[in-house]
Amino acid sequence: MQHLKKLIKNSGKHHLSIPKPTTQLPHVNLTDLRMSERSTYKLGEMVATRLAYGTALAKLAVANSRVIALDGDTKNSTYSDKVLKVKSYTK
């Protein structure tokens, strides 16, 4: 423990302050949120839920610029990377 404590660069108290928002956020109406296109699945077709989720999320992102995707799954089993393929988040 002593060795590890010596490795800590800043062992003092951390004083974090979070500033209050300076602007009021605009009202957002999501009642008319639609997908960019209809589903291409056939009636009775077996599709993994995680694949359908990723596909639907990407279609929502194409149709609405306010849709973003955050995913903690490092192996991408949710297919949320489809959003990255249809939108560019880098500026």
PDB file of N, CA and C in Angstrom:
ATOM      1  N   MET A   1       0.813  -1.185   0.000  1.00  0.00           N
ATOM      2  CA  MET A   1       0.000   0.000   0.000  1.00  0.00           C
ATOM      3  C   MET A   1       0.864   1.259   0.000  1.00  0.00           C
ATOM      4  N   GLN A   2       1.938   1.236   0.743  1.00  0.00           N
ATOM      5  CA  GLN A   2       2.810   2.407   0.801  1.00  0.00           C
ATOM      6  C   GLN A   2       3.373   2.720  -0.577  1.00  0.00           C
ATOM      7  N   HIS A   3       3.783   1.680  -1.301  1.00  0.00           N
ATOM      8  CA  HIS A   3       4.320   1.877  -2.650  1.00  0.00           C
ATOM      9  C   HIS A   3       3.265   2.509  -3.562  1.00  0.00           C
ATOM     10  N   LEU A   4       2.033   2.010  -3.494  1.00  0.00           N
ATOM     11  CA  LEU A   4       0.963   2.555  -4.329  1.00  0.00           C
ATOM     12  C   LEU A   4       0.648   3.998  -3.958  1.00  0.00           C
ATOM     13  N   LYS A   5       0.648   4.313  -2.689  1.00  0.00           N
ATOM     14  CA  LYS A   5       0.380   5.676  -2.254  1.00  0.00           C
ATOM     15  C   LYS A   5       1.431   6.644  -2.776  1.00  0.00           C
ATOM     16  N   LYS A   6       2.676   6.188  -2.893  1.00  0.00           N
ATOM     17  CA  LYS A   6       3.744   7.045  -3.425  1.00  0.00           C
ATOM     18  C   LYS A   6       3.548   7.337  -4.909  1.00  0.00           C
ATOM     19  N   LEU A   7       2.839   6.475  -5.611  1.00  0.00           N
ATOM     20  CA  LEU A   7       2.611   6.663  -7.041  1.00  0.00           C
ATOM     21  C   LEU A   7       1.515   7.679  -7.348  1.00  0.00           C
ATOM     22  N   ILE A   8       0.717   8.020  -6.360  1.00  0.00           N
ATOM     23  CA  ILE A   8      -0.355   8.990  -6.559  1.00  0.00           C
ATOM     24  C   ILE A   8       0.247  10.380  -6.687  1.00  0.00           C
ATOM     25  N   LYS A   9      -0.017  11.038  -7.804  1.00  0.00           N
ATOM     26  CA  LYS A   9       0.586  12.342  -8.064  1.00  0.00           C
ATOM     27  C   LYS A   9      -0.098  13.469  -7.307  1.00  0.00           C
ATOM     28  N   ASN A  10      -1.403  13.384  -7.137  1.00  0.00           N
ATOM     29  CA  ASN A  10      -2.122  14.432  -6.440  1.00  0.00           C
ATOM     30  C   ASN A  10      -2.945  13.778  -5.338  1.00  0.00           C
ATOM     31  N   SER A  11      -2.413  13.756  -4.154  1.00  0.00           N
ATOM     32  CA  SER A  11      -3.098  13.095  -3.050  1.00  0.00           C
ATOM     33  C   SER A  11      -3.932  14.057  -2.216  1.00  0.00           C
ATOM     34  N   GLY A  12      -3.959  15.315  -2.603  1.00  0.00           N
ATOM     35  CA  GLY A  12      -4.732  16.310  -1.856  1.00  0.00           C
ATOM     36  C   GLY A  12      -6.217  16.177  -2.137  1.00  0.00           C
ATOM     37  N   LYS A  13      -6.987  17.007  -1.461  1.00  0.00           N
ATOM     38  CA  LYS A  13      -8.428  16.995  -1.670  1.00  0.00           C
ATOM     39  C   LYS A  13      -8.744  17.571  -3.043  1.00  0.00           C
ATOM     40  N   HIS A  14      -9.679  16.945  -3.683  1.00  0.00           N
ATOM     41  CA  HIS A  14     -10.111  17.416  -5.008  1.00  0.00           C
ATOM     42  C   HIS A  14     -11.359  18.269  -4.841  1.00  0.00           C
ATOM     43  N   HIS A  15     -11.292  19.469  -5.302  1.00  0.00           N
ATOM     44  CA  HIS A  15     -12.420  20.382  -5.229  1.00  0.00           C
ATOM     45  C   HIS A  15     -12.983  20.548  -6.630  1.00  0.00           C
ATOM     46  N   LEU A  16     -14.028  19.819  -6.885  1.00  0.00           N
ATOM     47  CA  LEU A  16     -14.678  19.910  -8.185  1.00  0.00           C
ATOM     48  C   LEU A  16     -15.914  20.774  -8.058  1.00  0.00           C
ATOM     49  N   SER A  17     -16.078  21.661  -8.999  1.00  0.00           N
ATOM     50  CA  SER A  17     -17.298  22.462  -9.020  1.00  0.00           C
ATOM     51  C   SER A  17     -17.896  22.365 -10.415  1.00  0.00           C
ATOM     52  N   ILE A  18     -19.160  22.145 -10.440  1.00  0.00           N
ATOM     53  CA  ILE A  18     -19.868  22.038 -11.713  1.00  0.00           C
ATOM     54  C   ILE A  18     -20.631  23.339 -11.918  1.00  0.00           C
ATOM     55  N   PRO A  19     -20.284  24.063 -12.979  1.00  0.00           N
ATOM     56  CA  PRO A  19     -20.982  25.329 -13.217  1.00  0.00           C
ATOM     57  C   PRO A  19     -22.437  25.102 -13.611  1.00  0.00           C
ATOM     58  N   LYS A  20     -23.287  26.030 -13.245  1.00  0.00           N
ATOM     59  CA  LYS A  20     -24.689  25.954 -13.637  1.00  0.00           C
ATOM     60  C   LYS A  20     -24.808  26.300 -15.118  1.00  0.00           C
ATOM     61  N   PRO A  21     -25.770  25.706 -15.796  1.00  0.00           N
ATOM     62  CA  PRO A  21     -25.954  26.026 -17.222  1.00  0.00           C
ATOM     63  C   PRO A  21     -26.195  27.510 -17.420  1.00  0.00           C
ATOM     64  N   THR A  22     -25.594  28.060 -18.456  1.00  0.00           N
ATOM     65  CA  THR A  22     -25.736  29.495 -18.714  1.00  0.00           C
ATOM     66  C   THR A  22     -26.845  29.795 -19.709  1.00  0.00           C
ATOM     67  N   THR A  23     -27.317  28.784 -20.409  1.00  0.00           N
ATOM     68  CA  THR A  23     -28.366  29.007 -21.395  1.00  0.00           C
ATOM     69  C   THR A  23     -29.527  28.045 -21.149  1.00  0.00           C
ATOM     70  N   GLN A  24     -30.677  28.454 -21.573  1.00  0.00           N
ATOM     71  CA  GLN A  24     -31.862  27.614 -21.472  1.00  0.00           C
ATOM     72  C   GLN A  24     -31.921  26.726 -22.716  1.00  0.00           C
ATOM     73  N   LEU A  25     -32.152  25.449 -22.528  1.00  0.00           N
ATOM     74  CA  LEU A  25     -32.249  24.541 -23.662  1.00  0.00           C
ATOM     75  C   LEU A  25     -33.574  24.736 -24.385  1.00  0.00           C
ATOM     76  N   PRO A  26     -33.564  24.609 -25.711  1.00  0.00           N
ATOM     77  CA  PRO A  26     -34.814  24.771 -26.452  1.00  0.00           C
ATOM     78  C   PRO A  26     -35.751  23.591 -26.210  1.00  0.00           C
ATOM     79  N   HIS A  27     -37.042  23.841 -26.341  1.00  0.00           N
ATOM     80  CA  HIS A  27     -38.027  22.775 -26.222  1.00  0.00           C
ATOM     81  C   HIS A  27     -37.879  21.839 -27.422  1.00  0.00           C
ATOM     82  N   VAL A  28     -37.918  20.565 -27.175  1.00  0.00           N
ATOM     83  CA  VAL A  28     -37.780  19.571 -28.239  1.00  0.00           C
ATOM     84  C   VAL A  28     -39.029  18.711 -28.261  1.00  0.00           C
ATOM     85  N   ASN A  29     -39.620  18.593 -29.431  1.00  0.00           N
ATOM     86  CA  ASN A  29     -40.809  17.763 -29.605  1.00  0.00           C
ATOM     87  C   ASN A  29     -40.395  16.479 -30.315  1.00  0.00           C
ATOM     88  N   LEU A  30     -40.509  15.365 -29.626  1.00  0.00           N
ATOM     89  CA  LEU A  30     -40.150  14.077 -30.218  1.00  0.00           C
ATOM     90  C   LEU A  30     -41.372  13.231 -30.545  1.00  0.00           C
ATOM     91  N   THR A  31     -42.557  13.831 -30.509  1.00  0.00           N
ATOM     92  CA  THR A  31     -43.766  13.049 -30.771  1.00  0.00           C
ATOM     93  C   THR A  31     -43.882  12.629 -32.230  1.00  0.00           C
ATOM     94  N   ASP A  32     -43.220  13.323 -33.123  1.00  0.00           N
ATOM     95  CA  ASP A  32     -43.305  12.964 -34.541  1.00  0.00           C
ATOM     96  C   ASP A  32     -42.037  12.260 -35.032  1.00  0.00           C
ATOM     97  N   LEU A  33     -41.294  11.662 -34.132  1.00  0.00           N
ATOM     98  CA  LEU A  33     -40.062  10.969 -34.501  1.00  0.00           C
ATOM     99  C   LEU A  33     -40.399   9.740 -35.329  1.00  0.00           C
ATOM    100  N   ARG A  34     -39.799   9.642 -36.489  1.00  0.00           N
ATOM    101  CA  ARG A  34     -40.055   8.536 -37.411  1.00  0.00           C
ATOM    102  C   ARG A  34     -38.737   7.947 -37.893  1.00  0.00           C
ATOM    103  N   MET A  35     -38.793   6.712 -38.367  1.00  0.00           N
ATOM    104  CA  MET A  35     -37.615   6.085 -38.968  1.00  0.00           C
ATOM    105  C   MET A  35     -37.451   6.594 -40.392  1.00  0.00           C
ATOM    106  N   SER A  36     -36.228   6.557 -40.898  1.00  0.00           N
ATOM    107  CA  SER A  36     -35.957   7.063 -42.239  1.00  0.00           C
ATOM    108  C   SER A  36     -36.585   6.197 -43.319  1.00  0.00           C
ATOM    109  N   GLU A  37     -36.806   4.939 -43.020  1.00  0.00           N
ATOM    110  CA  GLU A  37     -37.438   4.021 -43.974  1.00  0.00           C
ATOM    111  C   GLU A  37     -38.102   2.889 -43.208  1.00  0.00           C
ATOM    112  N   ARG A  38     -39.001   2.195 -43.879  1.00  0.00           N
ATOM    113  CA  ARG A  38     -39.702   1.080 -43.245  1.00  0.00           C
ATOM    114  C   ARG A  38     -38.773  -0.113 -43.063  1.00  0.00           C
ATOM    115  N   SER A  39     -39.197  -0.989 -42.192  1.00  0.00           N
ATOM    116  CA  SER A  39     -38.440  -2.213 -41.949  1.00  0.00           C
ATOM    117  C   SER A  39     -38.435  -3.085 -43.200  1.00  0.00           C
ATOM    118  N   THR A  40     -37.325  -3.752 -43.435  1.00  0.00           N
ATOM    119  CA  THR A  40     -37.223  -4.649 -44.589  1.00  0.00           C
ATOM    120  C   THR A  40     -37.403  -6.101 -44.181  1.00  0.00           C
ATOM    121  N   TYR A  41     -37.736  -6.318 -42.907  1.00  0.00           N
ATOM    122  CA  TYR A  41     -37.949  -7.687 -42.438  1.00  0.00           C
ATOM    123  C   TYR A  41     -39.262  -8.227 -42.987  1.00  0.00           C
ATOM    124  N   LYS A  42     -39.278  -9.493 -43.322  1.00  0.00           N
ATOM    125  CA  LYS A  42     -40.487 -10.174 -43.803  1.00  0.00           C
ATOM    126  C   LYS A  42     -41.249 -10.732 -42.595  1.00  0.00           C
ATOM    127  N   LEU A  43     -42.564 -10.809 -42.711  1.00  0.00           N
ATOM    128  CA  LEU A  43     -43.402 -11.349 -41.657  1.00  0.00           C
ATOM    129  C   LEU A  43     -42.965 -12.779 -41.336  1.00  0.00           C
ATOM    130  N   GLY A  44     -42.681 -13.032 -40.092  1.00  0.00           N
ATOM    131  CA  GLY A  44     -42.251 -14.356 -39.661  1.00  0.00           C
ATOM    132  C   GLY A  44     -40.750 -14.585 -39.739  1.00  0.00           C
ATOM    133  N   GLU A  45     -40.022 -13.632 -40.311  1.00  0.00           N
ATOM    134  CA  GLU A  45     -38.563 -13.766 -40.426  1.00  0.00           C
ATOM    135  C   GLU A  45     -37.930 -13.701 -39.041  1.00  0.00           C
ATOM    136  N   MET A  46     -36.990 -14.586 -38.789  1.00  0.00           N
ATOM    137  CA  MET A  46     -36.300 -14.612 -37.501  1.00  0.00           C
ATOM    138  C   MET A  46     -35.092 -13.672 -37.568  1.00  0.00           C
ATOM    139  N   VAL A  47     -35.080 -12.661 -36.706  1.00  0.00           N
ATOM    140  CA  VAL A  47     -33.994 -11.684 -36.654  1.00  0.00           C
ATOM    141  C   VAL A  47     -33.582 -11.530 -35.197  1.00  0.00           C
ATOM    142  N   ALA A  48     -32.296 -11.521 -34.953  1.00  0.00           N
ATOM    143  CA  ALA A  48     -31.810 -11.317 -33.590  1.00  0.00           C
ATOM    144  C   ALA A  48     -32.270  -9.953 -33.085  1.00  0.00           C
ATOM    145  N   THR A  49     -32.749  -9.901 -31.861  1.00  0.00           N
ATOM    146  CA  THR A  49     -33.229  -8.657 -31.270  1.00  0.00           C
ATOM    147  C   THR A  49     -32.147  -7.589 -31.295  1.00  0.00           C
ATOM    148  N   ARG A  50     -30.908  -7.966 -31.004  1.00  0.00           N
ATOM    149  CA  ARG A  50     -29.817  -6.991 -30.974  1.00  0.00           C
ATOM    150  C   ARG A  50     -29.534  -6.414 -32.354  1.00  0.00           C
ATOM    151  N   LEU A  51     -29.690  -7.223 -33.402  1.00  0.00           N
ATOM    152  CA  LEU A  51     -29.503  -6.716 -34.766  1.00  0.00           C
ATOM    153  C   LEU A  51     -30.641  -5.770 -35.140  1.00  0.00           C
ATOM    154  N   ALA A  52     -31.864  -6.147 -34.791  1.00  0.00           N
ATOM    155  CA  ALA A  52     -33.015  -5.282 -35.071  1.00  0.00           C
ATOM    156  C   ALA A  52     -32.885  -3.953 -34.332  1.00  0.00           C
ATOM    157  N   TYR A  53     -32.373  -4.002 -33.104  1.00  0.00           N
ATOM    158  CA  TYR A  53     -32.150  -2.778 -32.321  1.00  0.00           C
ATOM    159  C   TYR A  53     -31.163  -1.855 -33.031  1.00  0.00           C
ATOM    160  N   GLY A  54     -30.036  -2.397 -33.455  1.00  0.00           N
ATOM    161  CA  GLY A  54     -29.021  -1.583 -34.129  1.00  0.00           C
ATOM    162  C   GLY A  54     -29.534  -0.995 -35.429  1.00  0.00           C
ATOM    163  N   THR A  55     -30.284  -1.787 -36.180  1.00  0.00           N
ATOM    164  CA  THR A  55     -30.847  -1.315 -37.444  1.00  0.00           C
ATOM    165  C   THR A  55     -31.862  -0.203 -37.207  1.00  0.00           C
ATOM    166  N   ALA A  56     -32.752  -0.397 -36.238  1.00  0.00           N
ATOM    167  CA  ALA A  56     -33.758   0.626 -35.930  1.00  0.00           C
ATOM    168  C   ALA A  56     -33.107   1.903 -35.419  1.00  0.00           C
ATOM    169  N   LEU A  57     -32.107   1.776 -34.582  1.00  0.00           N
ATOM    170  CA  LEU A  57     -31.407   2.943 -34.057  1.00  0.00           C
ATOM    171  C   LEU A  57     -30.755   3.743 -35.185  1.00  0.00           C
ATOM    172  N   ALA A  58     -30.165   3.064 -36.137  1.00  0.00           N
ATOM    173  CA  ALA A  58     -29.544   3.741 -37.281  1.00  0.00           C
ATOM    174  C   ALA A  58     -30.591   4.461 -38.119  1.00  0.00           C
ATOM    175  N   LYS A  59     -31.745   3.838 -38.334  1.00  0.00           N
ATOM    176  CA  LYS A  59     -32.806   4.478 -39.122  1.00  0.00           C
ATOM    177  C   LYS A  59     -33.352   5.709 -38.406  1.00  0.00           C
ATOM    178  N   LEU A  60     -33.457   5.640 -37.096  1.00  0.00           N
ATOM    179  CA  LEU A  60     -33.882   6.820 -36.334  1.00  0.00           C
ATOM    180  C   LEU A  60     -32.849   7.935 -36.435  1.00  0.00           C
ATOM    181  N   ALA A  61     -31.578   7.576 -36.387  1.00  0.00           N
ATOM    182  CA  ALA A  61     -30.498   8.570 -36.452  1.00  0.00           C
ATOM    183  C   ALA A  61     -30.456   9.263 -37.806  1.00  0.00           C
ATOM    184  N   VAL A  62     -30.757   8.539 -38.862  1.00  0.00           N
ATOM    185  CA  VAL A  62     -30.787   9.151 -40.200  1.00  0.00           C
ATOM    186  C   VAL A  62     -31.916  10.171 -40.283  1.00  0.00           C
ATOM    187  N   ALA A  63     -33.063   9.846 -39.694  1.00  0.00           N
ATOM    188  CA  ALA A  63     -34.242  10.704 -39.797  1.00  0.00           C
ATOM    189  C   ALA A  63     -34.230  11.886 -38.843  1.00  0.00           C
ATOM    190  N   ASN A  64     -33.433  11.819 -37.773  1.00  0.00           N
ATOM    191  CA  ASN A  64     -33.462  12.891 -36.779  1.00  0.00           C
ATOM    192  C   ASN A  64     -32.048  13.188 -36.305  1.00  0.00           C
ATOM    193  N   SER A  65     -31.618  14.414 -36.497  1.00  0.00           N
ATOM    194  CA  SER A  65     -30.248  14.796 -36.146  1.00  0.00           C
ATOM    195  C   SER A  65     -30.006  14.807 -34.631  1.00  0.00           C
ATOM    196  N   ARG A  66     -31.070  14.788 -33.832  1.00  0.00           N
ATOM    197  CA  ARG A  66     -30.903  14.813 -32.383  1.00  0.00           C
ATOM    198  C   ARG A  66     -30.673  13.424 -31.790  1.00  0.00           C
ATOM    199  N   VAL A  67     -30.800  12.379 -32.582  1.00  0.00           N
ATOM    200  CA  VAL A  67     -30.600  11.014 -32.095  1.00  0.00           C
ATOM    201  C   VAL A  67     -29.110  10.715 -32.064  1.00  0.00           C
ATOM    202  N   ILE A  68     -28.640  10.271 -30.903  1.00  0.00           N
ATOM    203  CA  ILE A  68     -27.254   9.857 -30.760  1.00  0.00           C
ATOM    204  C   ILE A  68     -27.231   8.468 -30.133  1.00  0.00           C
ATOM    205  N   ALA A  69     -26.122   7.804 -30.224  1.00  0.00           N
ATOM    206  CA  ALA A  69     -26.013   6.468 -29.642  1.00  0.00           C
ATOM    207  C   ALA A  69     -24.799   6.409 -28.724  1.00  0.00           C
ATOM    208  N   LEU A  70     -25.016   5.922 -27.527  1.00  0.00           N
ATOM    209  CA  LEU A  70     -23.947   5.678 -26.569  1.00  0.00           C
ATOM    210  C   LEU A  70     -24.033   4.206 -26.197  1.00  0.00           C
ATOM    211  N   ASP A  71     -22.923   3.519 -26.227  1.00  0.00           N
ATOM    212  CA  ASP A  71     -22.950   2.091 -25.949  1.00  0.00           C
ATOM    213  C   ASP A  71     -21.693   1.688 -25.212  1.00  0.00           C
ATOM    214  N   GLY A  72     -21.842   1.024 -24.099  1.00  0.00           N
ATOM    215  CA  GLY A  72     -20.698   0.561 -23.319  1.00  0.00           C
ATOM    216  C   GLY A  72     -20.245  -0.836 -23.707  1.00  0.00           C
ATOM    217  N   ASP A  73     -20.882  -1.414 -24.703  1.00  0.00           N
ATOM    218  CA  ASP A  73     -20.538  -2.767 -25.137  1.00  0.00           C
ATOM    219  C   ASP A  73     -19.314  -2.689 -26.051  1.00  0.00           C
ATOM    220  N   THR A  74     -18.177  -3.142 -25.570  1.00  0.00           N
ATOM    221  CA  THR A  74     -16.943  -2.997 -26.345  1.00  0.00           C
ATOM    222  C   THR A  74     -16.829  -3.988 -27.496  1.00  0.00           C
ATOM    223  N   LYS A  75     -17.639  -5.013 -27.509  1.00  0.00           N
ATOM    224  CA  LYS A  75     -17.593  -5.975 -28.619  1.00  0.00           C
ATOM    225  C   LYS A  75     -18.700  -5.720 -29.622  1.00  0.00           C
ATOM    226  N   ASN A  76     -19.515  -4.711 -29.383  1.00  0.00           N
ATOM    227  CA  ASN A  76     -20.589  -4.285 -30.260  1.00  0.00           C
ATOM    228  C   ASN A  76     -21.610  -5.378 -30.561  1.00  0.00           C
ATOM    229  N   SER A  77     -22.012  -6.111 -29.569  1.00  0.00           N
ATOM    230  CA  SER A  77     -23.029  -7.127 -29.799  1.00  0.00           C
ATOM    231  C   SER A  77     -24.418  -6.520 -29.989  1.00  0.00           C
ATOM    232  N   THR A  78     -24.565  -5.215 -29.740  1.00  0.00           N
ATOM    233  CA  THR A  78     -25.859  -4.557 -29.924  1.00  0.00           C
ATOM    234  C   THR A  78     -26.001  -3.930 -31.309  1.00  0.00           C
ATOM    235  N   TYR A  79     -24.957  -3.970 -32.097  1.00  0.00           N
ATOM    236  CA  TYR A  79     -24.953  -3.403 -33.450  1.00  0.00           C
ATOM    237  C   TYR A  79     -25.211  -1.901 -33.455  1.00  0.00           C
ATOM    238  N   SER A  80     -24.938  -1.235 -32.355  1.00  0.00           N
ATOM    239  CA  SER A  80     -25.133   0.217 -32.330  1.00  0.00           C
ATOM    240  C   SER A  80     -24.106   0.947 -33.186  1.00  0.00           C
ATOM    241  N   ASP A  81     -23.076   0.250 -33.630  1.00  0.00           N
ATOM    242  CA  ASP A  81     -22.107   0.888 -34.529  1.00  0.00           C
ATOM    243  C   ASP A  81     -22.731   1.231 -35.877  1.00  0.00           C
ATOM    244  N   LYS A  82     -23.913   0.715 -36.153  1.00  0.00           N
ATOM    245  CA  LYS A  82     -24.606   1.077 -37.396  1.00  0.00           C
ATOM    246  C   LYS A  82     -24.890   2.578 -37.433  1.00  0.00           C
ATOM    247  N   VAL A  83     -25.108   3.179 -36.260  1.00  0.00           N
ATOM    248  CA  VAL A  83     -25.342   4.622 -36.201  1.00  0.00           C
ATOM    249  C   VAL A  83     -24.091   5.362 -36.662  1.00  0.00           C
ATOM    250  N   LEU A  84     -22.944   4.898 -36.245  1.00  0.00           N
ATOM    251  CA  LEU A  84     -21.688   5.533 -36.642  1.00  0.00           C
ATOM    252  C   LEU A  84     -21.502   5.465 -38.156  1.00  0.00           C
ATOM    253  N   LYS A  85     -21.989   4.412 -38.767  1.00  0.00           N
ATOM    254  CA  LYS A  85     -21.846   4.242 -40.215  1.00  0.00           C
ATOM    255  C   LYS A  85     -22.765   5.167 -41.010  1.00  0.00           C
ATOM    256  N   VAL A  86     -23.866   5.606 -40.390  1.00  0.00           N
ATOM    257  CA  VAL A  86     -24.799   6.485 -41.109  1.00  0.00           C
ATOM    258  C   VAL A  86     -24.656   7.945 -40.739  1.00  0.00           C
ATOM    259  N   LYS A  87     -23.939   8.245 -39.640  1.00  0.00           N
ATOM    260  CA  LYS A  87     -23.763   9.625 -39.197  1.00  0.00           C
ATOM    261  C   LYS A  87     -22.294   9.878 -38.907  1.00  0.00           C
ATOM    262  N   SER A  88     -21.899  11.094 -39.082  1.00  0.00           N
ATOM    263  CA  SER A  88     -20.536  11.476 -38.730  1.00  0.00           C
ATOM    264  C   SER A  88     -20.606  12.384 -37.519  1.00  0.00           C
ATOM    265  N   TYR A  89     -19.951  11.999 -36.415  1.00  0.00           N
ATOM    266  CA  TYR A  89     -19.986  12.784 -35.198  1.00  0.00           C
ATOM    267  C   TYR A  89     -18.725  13.619 -35.000  1.00  0.00           C
ATOM    268  N   THR A  90     -17.772  13.484 -35.901  1.00  0.00           N
ATOM    269  CA  THR A  90     -16.540  14.254 -35.740  1.00  0.00           C
ATOM    270  C   THR A  90     -16.694  15.575 -36.488  1.00  0.00           C
ATOM    271  N   LYS A  91     -16.153  16.608 -35.912  1.00  0.00           N
ATOM    272  CA  LYS A  91     -16.209  17.920 -36.560  1.00  0.00           C
ATOM    273  C   LYS A  91     -14.827  18.492 -36.653  1.00  0.00           C
TER     274      LYS A  91
END
